[in-house]
Structures are given as structure tokens and as C-alpha cells.
Amino acid sequence: MEFYKEYTDDRLTSACTQLNADVQNNEQWRSEVVGYASLDGCSSVLVRWIGLSSTPFKGE
């Protein structure tokens, strides 16, 4: 299974904090940053996730 997920700063957590939480919660999944943007202090990170079809992704 493969999918892309975008992490964006919000009022409570930064994009990096959200990404780090998903990395810790999904150790069997491989992540690769494929895009990054920052504008006026707001960051956005696009990540490609690759995992086994039998291992569910833990997150939103």
C-alpha cells in the first residue's frame, strides 16, 4: 500500500510534530518527504508513505 499525506501547521501543533507522531506510531511504514513549503511562518510537508498491505496505518 502507498499513499501521500500532507502535514500543515495548525493552531495546536506544528507540521513536524504531527509527522514525528505518525513516524513513531507507524514503525513498519517507510516515510519519504517529497515536498516542503513555508510561507509567513506556516509550514507544509508532503510525505509519501509505503507499507505492507496487511499493516494498517495508525493516524487520521
N, C-alpha and C. Protein backbone atom coordinates (compact mmCIF):
# COMPACT_ATOMS: atom_id res chain seq x y z
N MET A 1 0.85 -1.18 0.00
CA MET A 1 0.00 0.00 0.00
C MET A 1 0.89 1.24 0.00
N GLU A 2 0.45 2.25 -0.67
CA GLU A 2 1.19 3.51 -0.76
C GLU A 2 0.18 4.66 -0.81
N PHE A 3 0.48 5.74 -0.09
CA PHE A 3 -0.35 6.94 -0.16
C PHE A 3 0.48 8.15 0.24
N TYR A 4 -0.06 9.33 -0.04
CA TYR A 4 0.59 10.59 0.31
C TYR A 4 -0.25 11.29 1.37
N LYS A 5 0.43 11.95 2.29
CA LYS A 5 -0.26 12.69 3.35
C LYS A 5 0.43 14.04 3.52
N GLU A 6 -0.38 15.09 3.64
CA GLU A 6 0.16 16.44 3.83
C GLU A 6 0.00 16.84 5.30
N TYR A 7 1.07 17.34 5.87
CA TYR A 7 1.07 17.84 7.24
C TYR A 7 1.21 19.36 7.19
N THR A 8 0.31 20.06 7.86
CA THR A 8 0.30 21.52 7.84
C THR A 8 0.21 22.05 9.26
N ASP A 9 0.94 23.11 9.53
CA ASP A 9 0.85 23.75 10.84
C ASP A 9 -0.60 24.13 11.13
N ASP A 10 -1.02 23.92 12.36
CA ASP A 10 -2.33 24.41 12.79
C ASP A 10 -2.15 25.15 14.12
N ARG A 11 -3.24 25.52 14.73
CA ARG A 11 -3.16 26.32 15.96
C ARG A 11 -2.53 25.56 17.12
N LEU A 12 -2.64 24.22 17.13
CA LEU A 12 -2.17 23.44 18.27
C LEU A 12 -0.81 22.78 18.06
N THR A 13 -0.53 22.29 16.85
CA THR A 13 0.72 21.55 16.62
C THR A 13 1.35 21.94 15.29
N SER A 14 2.66 21.79 15.24
CA SER A 14 3.37 22.08 14.01
C SER A 14 3.31 20.87 13.07
N ALA A 15 3.59 21.10 11.81
CA ALA A 15 3.62 20.02 10.82
C ALA A 15 4.66 18.98 11.20
N CYS A 16 5.81 19.41 11.69
CA CYS A 16 6.88 18.48 12.08
C CYS A 16 6.46 17.62 13.26
N THR A 17 5.77 18.18 14.22
CA THR A 17 5.29 17.42 15.37
C THR A 17 4.29 16.36 14.93
N GLN A 18 3.38 16.71 14.03
CA GLN A 18 2.41 15.75 13.52
C GLN A 18 3.10 14.61 12.77
N LEU A 19 4.08 14.96 11.93
CA LEU A 19 4.82 13.96 11.17
C LEU A 19 5.60 13.04 12.10
N ASN A 20 6.27 13.61 13.09
CA ASN A 20 7.04 12.78 14.03
C ASN A 20 6.14 11.82 14.79
N ALA A 21 4.94 12.24 15.14
CA ALA A 21 4.00 11.35 15.84
C ALA A 21 3.61 10.18 14.94
N ASP A 22 3.34 10.45 13.66
CA ASP A 22 2.99 9.37 12.74
C ASP A 22 4.17 8.42 12.52
N VAL A 23 5.38 8.95 12.45
CA VAL A 23 6.56 8.10 12.28
C VAL A 23 6.70 7.15 13.48
N GLN A 24 6.52 7.67 14.68
CA GLN A 24 6.63 6.84 15.89
C GLN A 24 5.51 5.80 15.98
N ASN A 25 4.31 6.16 15.54
CA ASN A 25 3.16 5.26 15.62
C ASN A 25 3.10 4.23 14.50
N ASN A 26 3.91 4.40 13.46
CA ASN A 26 3.86 3.53 12.30
C ASN A 26 5.27 3.07 11.92
N GLU A 27 5.91 2.35 12.83
CA GLU A 27 7.30 1.94 12.65
C GLU A 27 7.49 1.01 11.46
N GLN A 28 6.46 0.26 11.08
CA GLN A 28 6.60 -0.67 9.96
C GLN A 28 6.38 0.01 8.61
N TRP A 29 6.03 1.26 8.61
CA TRP A 29 5.83 2.03 7.39
C TRP A 29 7.07 2.85 7.08
N ARG A 30 7.39 2.97 5.80
CA ARG A 30 8.51 3.80 5.38
C ARG A 30 7.95 5.15 4.95
N SER A 31 8.60 6.22 5.39
CA SER A 31 8.16 7.56 5.02
C SER A 31 9.26 8.27 4.25
N GLU A 32 8.83 9.10 3.30
CA GLU A 32 9.76 9.86 2.48
C GLU A 32 9.17 11.25 2.24
N VAL A 33 9.89 12.28 2.64
CA VAL A 33 9.43 13.65 2.40
C VAL A 33 9.62 13.95 0.91
N VAL A 34 8.53 14.33 0.24
CA VAL A 34 8.61 14.61 -1.19
C VAL A 34 8.37 16.09 -1.50
N GLY A 35 7.95 16.86 -0.50
CA GLY A 35 7.74 18.28 -0.71
C GLY A 35 7.68 19.03 0.60
N TYR A 36 8.12 20.29 0.55
CA TYR A 36 8.11 21.13 1.75
C TYR A 36 7.90 22.57 1.31
N ALA A 37 7.08 23.30 2.03
CA ALA A 37 6.86 24.71 1.75
C ALA A 37 6.69 25.46 3.07
N SER A 38 7.17 26.69 3.08
CA SER A 38 7.00 27.55 4.24
C SER A 38 6.69 28.96 3.75
N LEU A 39 5.60 29.52 4.27
CA LEU A 39 5.19 30.86 3.86
C LEU A 39 4.63 31.58 5.07
N ASP A 40 5.20 32.72 5.38
CA ASP A 40 4.74 33.54 6.50
C ASP A 40 4.65 32.76 7.81
N GLY A 41 5.63 31.89 8.05
CA GLY A 41 5.69 31.14 9.31
C GLY A 41 4.81 29.91 9.36
N CYS A 42 4.12 29.59 8.28
CA CYS A 42 3.27 28.39 8.22
C CYS A 42 3.96 27.37 7.33
N SER A 43 4.18 26.18 7.86
CA SER A 43 4.88 25.13 7.11
C SER A 43 3.92 24.04 6.66
N SER A 44 4.28 23.42 5.54
CA SER A 44 3.52 22.30 5.00
C SER A 44 4.52 21.27 4.48
N VAL A 45 4.30 20.00 4.84
CA VAL A 45 5.20 18.92 4.45
C VAL A 45 4.37 17.82 3.77
N LEU A 46 4.79 17.41 2.57
CA LEU A 46 4.13 16.33 1.85
C LEU A 46 4.98 15.08 1.98
N VAL A 47 4.37 13.98 2.47
CA VAL A 47 5.10 12.76 2.77
C VAL A 47 4.48 11.58 2.01
N ARG A 48 5.35 10.77 1.43
CA ARG A 48 4.93 9.53 0.78
C ARG A 48 5.11 8.41 1.79
N TRP A 49 4.03 7.67 2.06
CA TRP A 49 4.05 6.55 2.99
C TRP A 49 3.95 5.25 2.21
N ILE A 50 4.82 4.28 2.54
CA ILE A 50 4.81 2.97 1.89
C ILE A 50 4.81 1.92 2.99
N GLY A 51 3.88 0.98 2.89
CA GLY A 51 3.80 -0.06 3.91
C GLY A 51 3.22 -1.34 3.38
N LEU A 52 3.21 -2.33 4.22
CA LEU A 52 2.62 -3.62 3.88
C LEU A 52 1.10 -3.49 3.85
N SER A 53 0.48 -4.16 2.92
CA SER A 53 -0.97 -4.06 2.82
C SER A 53 -1.68 -4.64 4.05
N SER A 54 -0.99 -5.52 4.78
CA SER A 54 -1.59 -6.13 5.97
C SER A 54 -1.38 -5.31 7.24
N THR A 55 -0.59 -4.25 7.17
CA THR A 55 -0.31 -3.43 8.34
C THR A 55 -1.08 -2.11 8.22
N PRO A 56 -2.13 -1.91 9.02
CA PRO A 56 -2.90 -0.67 8.91
C PRO A 56 -2.09 0.54 9.38
N PHE A 57 -2.35 1.69 8.76
CA PHE A 57 -1.70 2.94 9.15
C PHE A 57 -2.45 3.50 10.34
N LYS A 58 -1.72 3.88 11.39
CA LYS A 58 -2.34 4.44 12.59
C LYS A 58 -2.25 5.95 12.51
N GLY A 59 -3.37 6.59 12.34
CA GLY A 59 -3.42 8.03 12.25
C GLY A 59 -4.78 8.45 11.71
N GLU A 60 -4.88 9.68 11.34
CA GLU A 60 -6.15 10.22 10.84
C GLU A 60 -6.60 9.50 9.60
